[in-house]
Amino acid sequence: MSNSLERSDRPWGRYEVLGEYATHKVKTIWVNPGQRLSYQRHEKRAEHWFIVAGSGEVTIDGVVSKVGPSDEVSFGIGVAHRIHNTGSEVLIFVEVQTGTYFGEDDIIRIEDDFGR
């Protein structure tokens, strides 16, 4: 059961917004096996990811690292990033955004598997 403020299904999985404030936004994100988010950057926010379940690979400015439960990943404003679920279970992480604006329109896609 969830008390999310917003839920959105995506081609790669889904996310739920847990809290949105003037200084930060918090989401839980589920990435289905074999799927990955777009390779993207943001102009007005940094992101901090806390992996809670599953396994995968994170790409930050072209550098790929493996991640699993209890791993943390952080990147600043303007840094290109992506997460890829390389495991057989759903990859779940909590995302904390910090900055000045948290809208979904602050996404600059560099590469996207779904043509967005």
C-alpha atoms as a PDB file:
ATOM      1  CA  MET A   1       0.000   0.000   0.000  1.00  0.00           C
ATOM      2  CA  SER A   2       1.230   3.481  -0.830  1.00  0.00           C
ATOM      3  CA  ASN A   3       0.355   7.021   0.176  1.00  0.00           C
ATOM      4  CA  SER A   4       1.961   8.615  -2.871  1.00  0.00           C
ATOM      5  CA  LEU A   5       1.082  12.106  -4.084  1.00  0.00           C
ATOM      6  CA  GLU A   6       1.429  11.081  -7.728  1.00  0.00           C
ATOM      7  CA  ARG A   7       1.928   7.815  -9.593  1.00  0.00           C
ATOM      8  CA  SER A   8       3.025   7.499 -13.209  1.00  0.00           C
ATOM      9  CA  ASP A   9       3.404   4.370 -15.323  1.00  0.00           C
ATOM     10  CA  ARG A  10       6.277   4.552 -17.811  1.00  0.00           C
ATOM     11  CA  PRO A  11       7.443   2.203 -20.593  1.00  0.00           C
ATOM     12  CA  TRP A  12      10.351   1.101 -18.339  1.00  0.00           C
ATOM     13  CA  GLY A  13       8.348   0.739 -15.087  1.00  0.00           C
ATOM     14  CA  ARG A  14       6.779   3.354 -12.813  1.00  0.00           C
ATOM     15  CA  TYR A  15       7.383   5.973 -10.146  1.00  0.00           C
ATOM     16  CA  GLU A  16       5.523   7.367  -7.181  1.00  0.00           C
ATOM     17  CA  VAL A  17       6.095  10.800  -5.633  1.00  0.00           C
ATOM     18  CA  LEU A  18       6.354  10.486  -1.858  1.00  0.00           C
ATOM     19  CA  GLY A  19       6.897  14.162  -1.061  1.00  0.00           C
ATOM     20  CA  GLU A  20       7.377  17.482  -2.811  1.00  0.00           C
ATOM     21  CA  TYR A  21       8.696  20.563  -1.050  1.00  0.00           C
ATOM     22  CA  ALA A  22      10.302  23.916  -1.908  1.00  0.00           C
ATOM     23  CA  THR A  23      13.815  22.498  -1.470  1.00  0.00           C
ATOM     24  CA  HIS A  24      13.439  18.835  -2.543  1.00  0.00           C
ATOM     25  CA  LYS A  25      11.282  16.088  -4.044  1.00  0.00           C
ATOM     26  CA  VAL A  26      11.269  12.381  -3.112  1.00  0.00           C
ATOM     27  CA  LYS A  27      10.215   9.501  -5.404  1.00  0.00           C
ATOM     28  CA  THR A  28      10.275   5.719  -5.341  1.00  0.00           C
ATOM     29  CA  ILE A  29      11.129   4.327  -8.792  1.00  0.00           C
ATOM     30  CA  TRP A  30      10.576   0.761 -10.053  1.00  0.00           C
ATOM     31  CA  VAL A  31      12.541  -0.314 -13.161  1.00  0.00           C
ATOM     32  CA  ASN A  32      11.413  -3.554 -14.813  1.00  0.00           C
ATOM     33  CA  PRO A  33      13.968  -6.270 -15.657  1.00  0.00           C
ATOM     34  CA  GLY A  34      15.910  -5.475 -18.837  1.00  0.00           C
ATOM     35  CA  GLN A  35      14.642  -1.884 -18.985  1.00  0.00           C
ATOM     36  CA  ARG A  36      16.504   1.398 -18.597  1.00  0.00           C
ATOM     37  CA  LEU A  37      15.595   5.038 -18.203  1.00  0.00           C
ATOM     38  CA  SER A  38      16.651   7.570 -20.807  1.00  0.00           C
ATOM     39  CA  TYR A  39      20.206   8.904 -20.697  1.00  0.00           C
ATOM     40  CA  GLN A  40      19.433  12.429 -19.503  1.00  0.00           C
ATOM     41  CA  ARG A  41      20.470  15.517 -17.585  1.00  0.00           C
ATOM     42  CA  HIS A  42      18.668  18.271 -15.692  1.00  0.00           C
ATOM     43  CA  GLU A  43      19.240  22.029 -15.671  1.00  0.00           C
ATOM     44  CA  LYS A  44      17.697  22.795 -12.282  1.00  0.00           C
ATOM     45  CA  ARG A  45      18.165  19.755 -10.054  1.00  0.00           C
ATOM     46  CA  ALA A  46      20.688  17.272  -8.712  1.00  0.00           C
ATOM     47  CA  GLU A  47      19.644  13.711  -7.848  1.00  0.00           C
ATOM     48  CA  HIS A  48      20.610  11.250  -5.152  1.00  0.00           C
ATOM     49  CA  TRP A  49      19.620   7.584  -5.606  1.00  0.00           C
ATOM     50  CA  PHE A  50      19.394   4.974  -2.850  1.00  0.00           C
ATOM     51  CA  ILE A  51      19.061   1.432  -4.237  1.00  0.00           C
ATOM     52  CA  VAL A  52      16.700  -0.667  -2.102  1.00  0.00           C
ATOM     53  CA  ALA A  53      16.147  -3.824  -4.226  1.00  0.00           C
ATOM     54  CA  GLY A  54      17.393  -5.459  -7.407  1.00  0.00           C
ATOM     55  CA  SER A  55      20.575  -4.916  -9.357  1.00  0.00           C
ATOM     56  CA  GLY A  56      21.702  -2.937 -12.340  1.00  0.00           C
ATOM     57  CA  GLU A  57      24.109  -0.489 -13.861  1.00  0.00           C
ATOM     58  CA  VAL A  58      24.268   3.261 -13.463  1.00  0.00           C
ATOM     59  CA  THR A  59      25.907   5.447 -16.121  1.00  0.00           C
ATOM     60  CA  ILE A  60      27.147   8.859 -14.969  1.00  0.00           C
ATOM     61  CA  ASP A  61      28.848  11.011 -17.615  1.00  0.00           C
ATOM     62  CA  GLY A  62      29.726   7.876 -19.588  1.00  0.00           C
ATOM     63  CA  VAL A  63      31.138   5.897 -16.633  1.00  0.00           C
ATOM     64  CA  VAL A  64      29.240   2.653 -15.909  1.00  0.00           C
ATOM     65  CA  SER A  65      29.077   1.214 -12.382  1.00  0.00           C
ATOM     66  CA  LYS A  66      27.217  -1.795 -10.993  1.00  0.00           C
ATOM     67  CA  VAL A  67      24.676  -1.135  -8.231  1.00  0.00           C
ATOM     68  CA  GLY A  68      22.649  -3.238  -5.811  1.00  0.00           C
ATOM     69  CA  PRO A  69      20.782  -2.950  -2.515  1.00  0.00           C
ATOM     70  CA  SER A  70      22.177  -0.331  -0.092  1.00  0.00           C
ATOM     71  CA  ASP A  71      24.265   1.388  -2.803  1.00  0.00           C
ATOM     72  CA  GLU A  72      24.014   5.175  -3.188  1.00  0.00           C
ATOM     73  CA  VAL A  73      24.580   7.269  -6.299  1.00  0.00           C
ATOM     74  CA  SER A  74      24.687  11.071  -6.506  1.00  0.00           C
ATOM     75  CA  PHE A  75      25.186  13.462  -9.394  1.00  0.00           C
ATOM     76  CA  GLY A  76      24.978  17.201  -9.763  1.00  0.00           C
ATOM     77  CA  ILE A  77      23.005  19.571 -11.948  1.00  0.00           C
ATOM     78  CA  GLY A  78      23.807  19.100 -15.648  1.00  0.00           C
ATOM     79  CA  VAL A  79      25.447  15.667 -15.225  1.00  0.00           C
ATOM     80  CA  ALA A  80      24.316  13.000 -17.725  1.00  0.00           C
ATOM     81  CA  HIS A  81      22.908   9.883 -16.030  1.00  0.00           C
ATOM     82  CA  ARG A  82      20.939   6.677 -16.555  1.00  0.00           C
ATOM     83  CA  ILE A  83      20.022   3.505 -14.674  1.00  0.00           C
ATOM     84  CA  HIS A  84      19.601   0.093 -16.334  1.00  0.00           C
ATOM     85  CA  ASN A  85      18.033  -2.936 -14.673  1.00  0.00           C
ATOM     86  CA  THR A  86      20.372  -5.769 -15.682  1.00  0.00           C
ATOM     87  CA  GLY A  87      18.890  -8.265 -13.201  1.00  0.00           C
ATOM     88  CA  SER A  88      15.899 -10.606 -13.253  1.00  0.00           C
ATOM     89  CA  GLU A  89      13.988  -8.819 -10.466  1.00  0.00           C
ATOM     90  CA  VAL A  90      12.479  -5.342 -10.358  1.00  0.00           C
ATOM     91  CA  LEU A  91      15.106  -2.691  -9.493  1.00  0.00           C
ATOM     92  CA  ILE A  92      13.766  -0.270  -6.878  1.00  0.00           C
ATOM     93  CA  PHE A  93      15.389   2.953  -5.752  1.00  0.00           C
ATOM     94  CA  VAL A  94      14.454   6.062  -3.815  1.00  0.00           C
ATOM     95  CA  GLU A  95      15.338   9.294  -5.587  1.00  0.00           C
ATOM     96  CA  VAL A  96      15.868  12.544  -3.694  1.00  0.00           C
ATOM     97  CA  GLN A  97      15.971  15.607  -5.942  1.00  0.00           C
ATOM     98  CA  THR A  98      17.525  18.854  -4.703  1.00  0.00           C
ATOM     99  CA  GLY A  99      17.622  22.173  -6.513  1.00  0.00           C
ATOM    100  CA  THR A 100      15.284  24.945  -7.578  1.00  0.00           C
ATOM    101  CA  TYR A 101      12.733  23.155  -9.810  1.00  0.00           C
ATOM    102  CA  PHE A 102      11.449  19.556  -9.880  1.00  0.00           C
ATOM    103  CA  GLY A 103       9.059  19.359 -12.856  1.00  0.00           C
ATOM    104  CA  GLU A 104       9.180  16.477 -15.318  1.00  0.00           C
ATOM    105  CA  ASP A 105       9.838  19.032 -18.078  1.00  0.00           C
ATOM    106  CA  ASP A 106      13.374  19.565 -16.696  1.00  0.00           C
ATOM    107  CA  ILE A 107      14.586  16.481 -18.559  1.00  0.00           C
ATOM    108  CA  ILE A 108      17.033  16.844 -21.440  1.00  0.00           C
ATOM    109  CA  ARG A 109      17.130  13.418 -23.097  1.00  0.00           C
ATOM    110  CA  ILE A 110      20.415  12.462 -24.736  1.00  0.00           C
ATOM    111  CA  GLU A 111      19.340   8.926 -25.681  1.00  0.00           C
ATOM    112  CA  ASP A 112      16.033   7.143 -25.173  1.00  0.00           C
ATOM    113  CA  ASP A 113      14.929   3.571 -25.931  1.00  0.00           C
ATOM    114  CA  PHE A 114      11.320   4.735 -26.363  1.00  0.00           C
ATOM    115  CA  GLY A 115      11.762   7.603 -28.849  1.00  0.00           C
ATOM    116  CA  ARG A 116      10.766  10.367 -26.441  1.00  0.00           C
END
